Amino acid sequence: MQGRAVNVRGEVTDANCYFGAHRHAYDHAFCAKMCAAAGGPLVFVPDRGGQPYLVLSERNGVKLSDNVLDRIGIPGIVLKGKVFDADGIHVLAVDGLAQ
């Protein structure tokens, strides 16, 4: 996957509620996990503000690791991956949790 390698701190949440009603974080974690399980798109919201990123797996055909999916809705996690822009969309291709 193209992009610049990074470790980023923030939260993975579902795109439906984040963009529709700006809901996320602990109070929304259960709903976010339900939306993700139903196949809804995920976004990464950086702790320090700025644009959210569309979340992709770093390898096509490979789902995000369970340790990342288990932390949906939990602020302050650190992910490693690559960031890039595609057609005006900020993208984070997630490789996994940073060590």
PDB file of N, CA and C in Angstrom:
ATOM      1  N   MET A   1       0.855  -1.175   0.000  1.00  0.00           N
ATOM      2  CA  MET A   1       0.000   0.000   0.000  1.00  0.00           C
ATOM      3  C   MET A   1       0.897   1.232   0.000  1.00  0.00           C
ATOM      4  N   GLN A   2       0.505   2.210  -0.766  1.00  0.00           N
ATOM      5  CA  GLN A   2       1.255   3.465  -0.825  1.00  0.00           C
ATOM      6  C   GLN A   2       1.125   4.234   0.486  1.00  0.00           C
ATOM      7  N   GLY A   3       1.862   5.310   0.627  1.00  0.00           N
ATOM      8  CA  GLY A   3       1.697   6.191   1.772  1.00  0.00           C
ATOM      9  C   GLY A   3       2.934   6.332   2.615  1.00  0.00           C
ATOM     10  N   ARG A   4       2.810   7.220   3.609  1.00  0.00           N
ATOM     11  CA  ARG A   4       3.896   7.524   4.539  1.00  0.00           C
ATOM     12  C   ARG A   4       3.665   6.731   5.818  1.00  0.00           C
ATOM     13  N   ALA A   5       4.685   5.977   6.263  1.00  0.00           N
ATOM     14  CA  ALA A   5       4.571   5.173   7.475  1.00  0.00           C
ATOM     15  C   ALA A   5       4.429   6.078   8.699  1.00  0.00           C
ATOM     16  N   VAL A   6       3.470   5.720   9.575  1.00  0.00           N
ATOM     17  CA  VAL A   6       3.201   6.527  10.773  1.00  0.00           C
ATOM     18  C   VAL A   6       2.789   5.634  11.935  1.00  0.00           C
ATOM     19  N   ASN A   7       2.905   6.187  13.132  1.00  0.00           N
ATOM     20  CA  ASN A   7       2.206   5.719  14.320  1.00  0.00           C
ATOM     21  C   ASN A   7       1.302   6.875  14.715  1.00  0.00           C
ATOM     22  N   VAL A   8       0.013   6.608  14.852  1.00  0.00           N
ATOM     23  CA  VAL A   8      -0.947   7.672  15.167  1.00  0.00           C
ATOM     24  C   VAL A   8      -1.772   7.276  16.378  1.00  0.00           C
ATOM     25  N   ARG A   9      -2.101   8.285  17.182  1.00  0.00           N
ATOM     26  CA  ARG A   9      -2.867   8.066  18.420  1.00  0.00           C
ATOM     27  C   ARG A   9      -4.255   8.653  18.258  1.00  0.00           C
ATOM     28  N   GLY A  10      -5.263   7.876  18.627  1.00  0.00           N
ATOM     29  CA  GLY A  10      -6.636   8.357  18.523  1.00  0.00           C
ATOM     30  C   GLY A  10      -7.619   7.228  18.744  1.00  0.00           C
ATOM     31  N   GLU A  11      -8.683   7.220  17.943  1.00  0.00           N
ATOM     32  CA  GLU A  11      -9.779   6.277  18.136  1.00  0.00           C
ATOM     33  C   GLU A  11     -10.305   5.789  16.798  1.00  0.00           C
ATOM     34  N   VAL A  12     -10.577   4.492  16.725  1.00  0.00           N
ATOM     35  CA  VAL A  12     -11.285   3.918  15.578  1.00  0.00           C
ATOM     36  C   VAL A  12     -12.758   3.894  15.940  1.00  0.00           C
ATOM     37  N   THR A  13     -13.608   4.405  15.058  1.00  0.00           N
ATOM     38  CA  THR A  13     -15.047   4.407  15.292  1.00  0.00           C
ATOM     39  C   THR A  13     -15.764   4.217  13.963  1.00  0.00           C
ATOM     40  N   ASP A  14     -17.086   4.109  14.019  1.00  0.00           N
ATOM     41  CA  ASP A  14     -17.826   3.898  12.776  1.00  0.00           C
ATOM     42  C   ASP A  14     -18.129   5.235  12.095  1.00  0.00           C
ATOM     43  N   ALA A  15     -18.090   5.207  10.790  1.00  0.00           N
ATOM     44  CA  ALA A  15     -18.283   6.429  10.000  1.00  0.00           C
ATOM     45  C   ALA A  15     -19.722   6.917  10.044  1.00  0.00           C
ATOM     46  N   ASN A  16     -20.694   6.006  10.136  1.00  0.00           N
ATOM     47  CA  ASN A  16     -22.105   6.414  10.100  1.00  0.00           C
ATOM     48  C   ASN A  16     -22.436   7.394  11.216  1.00  0.00           C
ATOM     49  N   CYS A  17     -22.152   7.019  12.437  1.00  0.00           N
ATOM     50  CA  CYS A  17     -22.489   7.895  13.565  1.00  0.00           C
ATOM     51  C   CYS A  17     -21.528   9.068  13.692  1.00  0.00           C
ATOM     52  N   TYR A  18     -20.253   8.852  13.351  1.00  0.00           N
ATOM     53  CA  TYR A  18     -19.298   9.952  13.485  1.00  0.00           C
ATOM     54  C   TYR A  18     -19.659  11.097  12.544  1.00  0.00           C
ATOM     55  N   PHE A  19     -19.898  10.790  11.280  1.00  0.00           N
ATOM     56  CA  PHE A  19     -20.225  11.851  10.327  1.00  0.00           C
ATOM     57  C   PHE A  19     -21.683  12.280  10.420  1.00  0.00           C
ATOM     58  N   GLY A  20     -22.577  11.366  10.804  1.00  0.00           N
ATOM     59  CA  GLY A  20     -23.996  11.700  10.883  1.00  0.00           C
ATOM     60  C   GLY A  20     -24.372  12.505  12.110  1.00  0.00           C
ATOM     61  N   ALA A  21     -23.794  12.183  13.262  1.00  0.00           N
ATOM     62  CA  ALA A  21     -24.180  12.844  14.514  1.00  0.00           C
ATOM     63  C   ALA A  21     -22.989  13.192  15.391  1.00  0.00           C
ATOM     64  N   HIS A  22     -21.776  13.004  14.891  1.00  0.00           N
ATOM     65  CA  HIS A  22     -20.530  13.258  15.612  1.00  0.00           C
ATOM     66  C   HIS A  22     -20.444  12.479  16.924  1.00  0.00           C
ATOM     67  N   ARG A  23     -21.004  11.250  16.922  1.00  0.00           N
ATOM     68  CA  ARG A  23     -20.931  10.385  18.101  1.00  0.00           C
ATOM     69  C   ARG A  23     -19.707   9.494  17.998  1.00  0.00           C
ATOM     70  N   HIS A  24     -19.007   9.358  19.132  1.00  0.00           N
ATOM     71  CA  HIS A  24     -17.855   8.465  19.216  1.00  0.00           C
ATOM     72  C   HIS A  24     -17.407   8.380  20.670  1.00  0.00           C
ATOM     73  N   ALA A  25     -16.329   7.677  20.931  1.00  0.00           N
ATOM     74  CA  ALA A  25     -15.714   7.491  22.253  1.00  0.00           C
ATOM     75  C   ALA A  25     -16.458   6.447  23.082  1.00  0.00           C
ATOM     76  N   TYR A  26     -16.125   6.371  24.366  1.00  0.00           N
ATOM     77  CA  TYR A  26     -16.600   5.297  25.230  1.00  0.00           C
ATOM     78  C   TYR A  26     -18.115   5.129  25.218  1.00  0.00           C
ATOM     79  N   ASP A  27     -18.859   6.232  25.292  1.00  0.00           N
ATOM     80  CA  ASP A  27     -20.319   6.155  25.354  1.00  0.00           C
ATOM     81  C   ASP A  27     -20.919   5.574  24.082  1.00  0.00           C
ATOM     82  N   HIS A  28     -20.150   5.572  23.006  1.00  0.00           N
ATOM     83  CA  HIS A  28     -20.651   5.098  21.720  1.00  0.00           C
ATOM     84  C   HIS A  28     -19.987   3.788  21.283  1.00  0.00           C
ATOM     85  N   ALA A  29     -19.110   3.226  22.073  1.00  0.00           N
ATOM     86  CA  ALA A  29     -18.303   2.066  21.662  1.00  0.00           C
ATOM     87  C   ALA A  29     -19.152   0.863  21.258  1.00  0.00           C
ATOM     88  N   PHE A  30     -20.188   0.532  22.012  1.00  0.00           N
ATOM     89  CA  PHE A  30     -21.002  -0.633  21.681  1.00  0.00           C
ATOM     90  C   PHE A  30     -21.672  -0.450  20.326  1.00  0.00           C
ATOM     91  N   CYS A  31     -22.249   0.712  20.094  1.00  0.00           N
ATOM     92  CA  CYS A  31     -22.901   1.001  18.815  1.00  0.00           C
ATOM     93  C   CYS A  31     -21.892   0.937  17.673  1.00  0.00           C
ATOM     94  N   ALA A  32     -20.708   1.493  17.882  1.00  0.00           N
ATOM     95  CA  ALA A  32     -19.673   1.481  16.843  1.00  0.00           C
ATOM     96  C   ALA A  32     -19.278   0.061  16.489  1.00  0.00           C
ATOM     97  N   LYS A  33     -19.170  -0.805  17.496  1.00  0.00           N
ATOM     98  CA  LYS A  33     -18.820  -2.206  17.236  1.00  0.00           C
ATOM     99  C   LYS A  33     -19.939  -2.913  16.480  1.00  0.00           C
ATOM    100  N   MET A  34     -21.178  -2.607  16.784  1.00  0.00           N
ATOM    101  CA  MET A  34     -22.308  -3.194  16.059  1.00  0.00           C
ATOM    102  C   MET A  34     -22.296  -2.753  14.595  1.00  0.00           C
ATOM    103  N   CYS A  35     -22.049  -1.476  14.352  1.00  0.00           N
ATOM    104  CA  CYS A  35     -21.987  -0.972  12.975  1.00  0.00           C
ATOM    105  C   CYS A  35     -20.828  -1.621  12.214  1.00  0.00           C
ATOM    106  N   ALA A  36     -19.688  -1.776  12.869  1.00  0.00           N
ATOM    107  CA  ALA A  36     -18.530  -2.409  12.232  1.00  0.00           C
ATOM    108  C   ALA A  36     -18.835  -3.871  11.913  1.00  0.00           C
ATOM    109  N   ALA A  37     -19.487  -4.583  12.839  1.00  0.00           N
ATOM    110  CA  ALA A  37     -19.832  -5.987  12.620  1.00  0.00           C
ATOM    111  C   ALA A  37     -20.813  -6.144  11.464  1.00  0.00           C
ATOM    112  N   ALA A  38     -21.628  -5.104  11.241  1.00  0.00           N
ATOM    113  CA  ALA A  38     -22.590  -5.130  10.132  1.00  0.00           C
ATOM    114  C   ALA A  38     -21.943  -4.728   8.810  1.00  0.00           C
ATOM    115  N   GLY A  39     -20.657  -4.406   8.853  1.00  0.00           N
ATOM    116  CA  GLY A  39     -19.945  -4.054   7.617  1.00  0.00           C
ATOM    117  C   GLY A  39     -19.850  -2.574   7.343  1.00  0.00           C
ATOM    118  N   GLY A  40     -20.232  -1.737   8.310  1.00  0.00           N
ATOM    119  CA  GLY A  40     -20.143  -0.293   8.130  1.00  0.00           C
ATOM    120  C   GLY A  40     -18.694   0.168   8.053  1.00  0.00           C
ATOM    121  N   PRO A  41     -18.445   1.256   7.357  1.00  0.00           N
ATOM    122  CA  PRO A  41     -17.075   1.769   7.237  1.00  0.00           C
ATOM    123  C   PRO A  41     -16.571   2.328   8.568  1.00  0.00           C
ATOM    124  N   LEU A  42     -15.251   2.285   8.740  1.00  0.00           N
ATOM    125  CA  LEU A  42     -14.610   2.792   9.943  1.00  0.00           C
ATOM    126  C   LEU A  42     -13.799   4.034   9.627  1.00  0.00           C
ATOM    127  N   VAL A  43     -13.669   4.890  10.630  1.00  0.00           N
ATOM    128  CA  VAL A  43     -12.805   6.063  10.527  1.00  0.00           C
ATOM    129  C   VAL A  43     -11.882   6.088  11.743  1.00  0.00           C
ATOM    130  N   PHE A  44     -10.740   6.746  11.570  1.00  0.00           N
ATOM    131  CA  PHE A  44      -9.809   6.974  12.666  1.00  0.00           C
ATOM    132  C   PHE A  44      -9.851   8.451  12.988  1.00  0.00           C
ATOM    133  N   VAL A  45     -10.142   8.777  14.248  1.00  0.00           N
ATOM    134  CA  VAL A  45     -10.223  10.161  14.709  1.00  0.00           C
ATOM    135  C   VAL A  45      -8.972  10.438  15.536  1.00  0.00           C
ATOM    136  N   PRO A  46      -8.062  11.295  15.045  1.00  0.00           N
ATOM    137  CA  PRO A  46      -6.829  11.584  15.788  1.00  0.00           C
ATOM    138  C   PRO A  46      -7.109  12.302  17.107  1.00  0.00           C
ATOM    139  N   ASP A  47      -6.314  11.989  18.136  1.00  0.00           N
ATOM    140  CA  ASP A  47      -6.454  12.658  19.437  1.00  0.00           C
ATOM    141  C   ASP A  47      -6.232  14.160  19.348  1.00  0.00           C
ATOM    142  N   ARG A  48      -5.344  14.576  18.501  1.00  0.00           N
ATOM    143  CA  ARG A  48      -4.972  15.993  18.444  1.00  0.00           C
ATOM    144  C   ARG A  48      -5.776  16.782  17.419  1.00  0.00           C
ATOM    145  N   GLY A  49      -6.949  16.312  17.102  1.00  0.00           N
ATOM    146  CA  GLY A  49      -7.789  17.014  16.143  1.00  0.00           C
ATOM    147  C   GLY A  49      -7.335  16.778  14.721  1.00  0.00           C
ATOM    148  N   GLY A  50      -7.817  17.589  13.853  1.00  0.00           N
ATOM    149  CA  GLY A  50      -7.505  17.409  12.448  1.00  0.00           C
ATOM    150  C   GLY A  50      -8.522  16.517  11.774  1.00  0.00           C
ATOM    151  N   GLN A  51      -8.275  16.238  10.527  1.00  0.00           N
ATOM    152  CA  GLN A  51      -9.197  15.458   9.726  1.00  0.00           C
ATOM    153  C   GLN A  51      -9.227  13.987  10.143  1.00  0.00           C
ATOM    154  N   PRO A  52     -10.417  13.394  10.186  1.00  0.00           N
ATOM    155  CA  PRO A  52     -10.480  11.948  10.395  1.00  0.00           C
ATOM    156  C   PRO A  52      -9.987  11.222   9.143  1.00  0.00           C
ATOM    157  N   TYR A  53      -9.575   9.995   9.313  1.00  0.00           N
ATOM    158  CA  TYR A  53      -9.084   9.170   8.218  1.00  0.00           C
ATOM    159  C   TYR A  53     -10.047   8.013   7.958  1.00  0.00           C
ATOM    160  N   LEU A  54     -10.291   7.708   6.705  1.00  0.00           N
ATOM    161  CA  LEU A  54     -10.965   6.473   6.347  1.00  0.00           C
ATOM    162  C   LEU A  54     -10.019   5.337   6.689  1.00  0.00           C
ATOM    163  N   VAL A  55     -10.511   4.290   7.350  1.00  0.00           N
ATOM    164  CA  VAL A  55      -9.663   3.169   7.759  1.00  0.00           C
ATOM    165  C   VAL A  55      -9.738   2.063   6.718  1.00  0.00           C
ATOM    166  N   LEU A  56      -8.570   1.639   6.258  1.00  0.00           N
ATOM    167  CA  LEU A  56      -8.430   0.493   5.361  1.00  0.00           C
ATOM    168  C   LEU A  56      -7.464  -0.492   6.004  1.00  0.00           C
ATOM    169  N   SER A  57      -7.550  -1.732   5.577  1.00  0.00           N
ATOM    170  CA  SER A  57      -6.536  -2.712   5.941  1.00  0.00           C
ATOM    171  C   SER A  57      -5.329  -2.463   5.056  1.00  0.00           C
ATOM    172  N   GLU A  58      -4.135  -2.673   5.590  1.00  0.00           N
ATOM    173  CA  GLU A  58      -2.940  -2.402   4.791  1.00  0.00           C
ATOM    174  C   GLU A  58      -2.783  -3.398   3.646  1.00  0.00           C
ATOM    175  N   ARG A  59      -3.395  -4.558   3.762  1.00  0.00           N
ATOM    176  CA  ARG A  59      -3.306  -5.558   2.696  1.00  0.00           C
ATOM    177  C   ARG A  59      -4.701  -5.897   2.186  1.00  0.00           C
ATOM    178  N   ASN A  60      -4.892  -5.824   0.880  1.00  0.00           N
ATOM    179  CA  ASN A  60      -6.184  -6.156   0.269  1.00  0.00           C
ATOM    180  C   ASN A  60      -6.582  -7.587   0.610  1.00  0.00           C
ATOM    181  N   GLY A  61      -7.846  -7.773   0.905  1.00  0.00           N
ATOM    182  CA  GLY A  61      -8.354  -9.104   1.190  1.00  0.00           C
ATOM    183  C   GLY A  61      -8.056  -9.615   2.584  1.00  0.00           C
ATOM    184  N   VAL A  62      -7.439  -8.783   3.427  1.00  0.00           N
ATOM    185  CA  VAL A  62      -7.112  -9.186   4.798  1.00  0.00           C
ATOM    186  C   VAL A  62      -7.835  -8.235   5.748  1.00  0.00           C
ATOM    187  N   LYS A  63      -8.646  -8.793   6.645  1.00  0.00           N
ATOM    188  CA  LYS A  63      -9.382  -7.931   7.582  1.00  0.00           C
ATOM    189  C   LYS A  63      -8.431  -7.297   8.590  1.00  0.00           C
ATOM    190  N   LEU A  64      -8.906  -6.248   9.224  1.00  0.00           N
ATOM    191  CA  LEU A  64      -8.139  -5.643  10.316  1.00  0.00           C
ATOM    192  C   LEU A  64      -7.946  -6.679  11.414  1.00  0.00           C
ATOM    193  N   SER A  65      -6.841  -6.595  12.118  1.00  0.00           N
ATOM    194  CA  SER A  65      -6.562  -7.575  13.171  1.00  0.00           C
ATOM    195  C   SER A  65      -7.590  -7.451  14.299  1.00  0.00           C
ATOM    196  N   ASP A  66      -7.825  -8.572  14.968  1.00  0.00           N
ATOM    197  CA  ASP A  66      -8.800  -8.591  16.063  1.00  0.00           C
ATOM    198  C   ASP A  66      -8.423  -7.638  17.185  1.00  0.00           C
ATOM    199  N   ASN A  67      -7.108  -7.470  17.444  1.00  0.00           N
ATOM    200  CA  ASN A  67      -6.731  -6.567  18.541  1.00  0.00           C
ATOM    201  C   ASN A  67      -7.060  -5.112  18.203  1.00  0.00           C
ATOM    202  N   VAL A  68      -7.129  -4.756  16.921  1.00  0.00           N
ATOM    203  CA  VAL A  68      -7.592  -3.423  16.515  1.00  0.00           C
ATOM    204  C   VAL A  68      -9.111  -3.363  16.608  1.00  0.00           C
ATOM    205  N   LEU A  69      -9.797  -4.368  16.066  1.00  0.00           N
ATOM    206  CA  LEU A  69     -11.263  -4.378  16.087  1.00  0.00           C
ATOM    207  C   LEU A  69     -11.819  -4.398  17.504  1.00  0.00           C
ATOM    208  N   ASP A  70     -11.126  -5.052  18.430  1.00  0.00           N
ATOM    209  CA  ASP A  70     -11.564  -5.092  19.830  1.00  0.00           C
ATOM    210  C   ASP A  70     -11.492  -3.720  20.499  1.00  0.00           C
ATOM    211  N   ARG A  71     -10.751  -2.801  19.929  1.00  0.00           N
ATOM    212  CA  ARG A  71     -10.569  -1.474  20.529  1.00  0.00           C
ATOM    213  C   ARG A  71     -11.386  -0.382  19.841  1.00  0.00           C
ATOM    214  N   ILE A  72     -12.352  -0.774  19.021  1.00  0.00           N
ATOM    215  CA  ILE A  72     -13.240   0.220  18.409  1.00  0.00           C
ATOM    216  C   ILE A  72     -13.941   0.989  19.524  1.00  0.00           C
ATOM    217  N   GLY A  73     -13.945   2.300  19.416  1.00  0.00           N
ATOM    218  CA  GLY A  73     -14.610   3.154  20.390  1.00  0.00           C
ATOM    219  C   GLY A  73     -13.780   3.489  21.610  1.00  0.00           C
ATOM    220  N   ILE A  74     -12.542   3.051  21.656  1.00  0.00           N
ATOM    221  CA  ILE A  74     -11.677   3.342  22.807  1.00  0.00           C
ATOM    222  C   ILE A  74     -10.660   4.408  22.402  1.00  0.00           C
ATOM    223  N   PRO A  75     -10.773   5.607  22.955  1.00  0.00           N
ATOM    224  CA  PRO A  75      -9.815   6.664  22.632  1.00  0.00           C
ATOM    225  C   PRO A  75      -8.409   6.330  23.134  1.00  0.00           C
ATOM    226  N   GLY A  76      -7.415   6.904  22.482  1.00  0.00           N
ATOM    227  CA  GLY A  76      -6.041   6.815  22.949  1.00  0.00           C
ATOM    228  C   GLY A  76      -5.262   5.606  22.490  1.00  0.00           C
ATOM    229  N   ILE A  77      -5.782   4.838  21.533  1.00  0.00           N
ATOM    230  CA  ILE A  77      -4.988   3.712  21.037  1.00  0.00           C
ATOM    231  C   ILE A  77      -3.968   4.234  20.026  1.00  0.00           C
ATOM    232  N   VAL A  78      -2.890   3.503  19.845  1.00  0.00           N
ATOM    233  CA  VAL A  78      -1.850   3.904  18.899  1.00  0.00           C
ATOM    234  C   VAL A  78      -1.768   2.835  17.815  1.00  0.00           C
ATOM    235  N   LEU A  79      -1.990   3.266  16.577  1.00  0.00           N
ATOM    236  CA  LEU A  79      -1.947   2.373  15.425  1.00  0.00           C
ATOM    237  C   LEU A  79      -0.722   2.656  14.584  1.00  0.00           C
ATOM    238  N   LYS A  80      -0.228   1.619  13.930  1.00  0.00           N
ATOM    239  CA  LYS A  80       0.825   1.810  12.935  1.00  0.00           C
ATOM    240  C   LYS A  80       0.214   1.506  11.578  1.00  0.00           C
ATOM    241  N   GLY A  81       0.691   2.222  10.588  1.00  0.00           N
ATOM    242  CA  GLY A  81       0.177   2.036   9.241  1.00  0.00           C
ATOM    243  C   GLY A  81       0.758   3.071   8.306  1.00  0.00           C
ATOM    244  N   LYS A  82       0.009   3.365   7.255  1.00  0.00           N
ATOM    245  CA  LYS A  82       0.429   4.363   6.273  1.00  0.00           C
ATOM    246  C   LYS A  82      -0.721   5.322   6.028  1.00  0.00           C
ATOM    247  N   VAL A  83      -0.384   6.604   5.879  1.00  0.00           N
ATOM    248  CA  VAL A  83      -1.388   7.617   5.567  1.00  0.00           C
ATOM    249  C   VAL A  83      -1.139   8.163   4.169  1.00  0.00           C
ATOM    250  N   PHE A  84      -2.246   8.487   3.498  1.00  0.00           N
ATOM    251  CA  PHE A  84      -2.171   9.107   2.180  1.00  0.00           C
ATOM    252  C   PHE A  84      -3.521   9.719   1.859  1.00  0.00           C
ATOM    253  N   ASP A  85      -3.554  10.554   0.850  1.00  0.00           N
ATOM    254  CA  ASP A  85      -4.798  11.144   0.357  1.00  0.00           C
ATOM    255  C   ASP A  85      -5.145  10.487  -0.960  1.00  0.00           C
ATOM    256  N   ALA A  86      -6.420  10.167  -1.126  1.00  0.00           N
ATOM    257  CA  ALA A  86      -6.912   9.574  -2.367  1.00  0.00           C
ATOM    258  C   ALA A  86      -8.189  10.304  -2.767  1.00  0.00           C
ATOM    259  N   ASP A  87      -8.130  11.048  -3.849  1.00  0.00           N
ATOM    260  CA  ASP A  87      -9.297  11.797  -4.331  1.00  0.00           C
ATOM    261  C   ASP A  87      -9.897  12.689  -3.251  1.00  0.00           C
ATOM    262  N   GLY A  88      -9.034  13.330  -2.463  1.00  0.00           N
ATOM    263  CA  GLY A  88      -9.481  14.260  -1.433  1.00  0.00           C
ATOM    264  C   GLY A  88      -9.890  13.603  -0.119  1.00  0.00           C
ATOM    265  N   ILE A  89      -9.727  12.299   0.008  1.00  0.00           N
ATOM    266  CA  ILE A  89     -10.090  11.582   1.228  1.00  0.00           C
ATOM    267  C   ILE A  89      -8.809  11.202   1.956  1.00  0.00           C
ATOM    268  N   HIS A  90      -8.748  11.522   3.258  1.00  0.00           N
ATOM    269  CA  HIS A  90      -7.603  11.128   4.079  1.00  0.00           C
ATOM    270  C   HIS A  90      -7.765   9.650   4.431  1.00  0.00           C
ATOM    271  N   VAL A  91      -6.726   8.868   4.175  1.00  0.00           N
ATOM    272  CA  VAL A  91      -6.799   7.417   4.351  1.00  0.00           C
ATOM    273  C   VAL A  91      -5.708   6.963   5.320  1.00  0.00           C
ATOM    274  N   LEU A  92      -6.051   6.025   6.197  1.00  0.00           N
ATOM    275  CA  LEU A  92      -5.108   5.353   7.069  1.00  0.00           C
ATOM    276  C   LEU A  92      -5.203   3.871   6.776  1.00  0.00           C
ATOM    277  N   ALA A  93      -4.155   3.319   6.178  1.00  0.00           N
ATOM    278  CA  ALA A  93      -4.067   1.879   5.934  1.00  0.00           C
ATOM    279  C   ALA A  93      -3.421   1.266   7.163  1.00  0.00           C
ATOM    280  N   VAL A  94      -4.213   0.562   7.976  1.00  0.00           N
ATOM    281  CA  VAL A  94      -3.772   0.077   9.284  1.00  0.00           C
ATOM    282  C   VAL A  94      -3.038  -1.257   9.160  1.00  0.00           C
ATOM    283  N   ASP A  95      -1.837  -1.300   9.741  1.00  0.00           N
ATOM    284  CA  ASP A  95      -1.070  -2.528   9.822  1.00  0.00           C
ATOM    285  C   ASP A  95      -1.321  -3.236  11.156  1.00  0.00           C
ATOM    286  N   GLY A  96      -1.657  -2.495  12.200  1.00  0.00           N
ATOM    287  CA  GLY A  96      -1.934  -3.095  13.507  1.00  0.00           C
ATOM    288  C   GLY A  96      -1.684  -2.103  14.610  1.00  0.00           C
ATOM    289  N   LEU A  97      -1.709  -2.597  15.843  1.00  0.00           N
ATOM    290  CA  LEU A  97      -1.396  -1.764  16.994  1.00  0.00           C
ATOM    291  C   LEU A  97       0.110  -1.507  17.024  1.00  0.00           C
ATOM    292  N   ALA A  98       0.479  -0.302  17.390  1.00  0.00           N
ATOM    293  CA  ALA A  98       1.910   0.025  17.552  1.00  0.00           C
ATOM    294  C   ALA A  98       2.393  -0.612  18.848  1.00  0.00           C
ATOM    295  N   GLN A  99       3.614  -1.051  18.857  1.00  0.00           N
ATOM    296  CA  GLN A  99       4.185  -1.701  20.050  1.00  0.00           C
ATOM    297  C   GLN A  99       4.707  -0.663  20.998  1.00  0.00           C
TER     298      GLN A  99
END
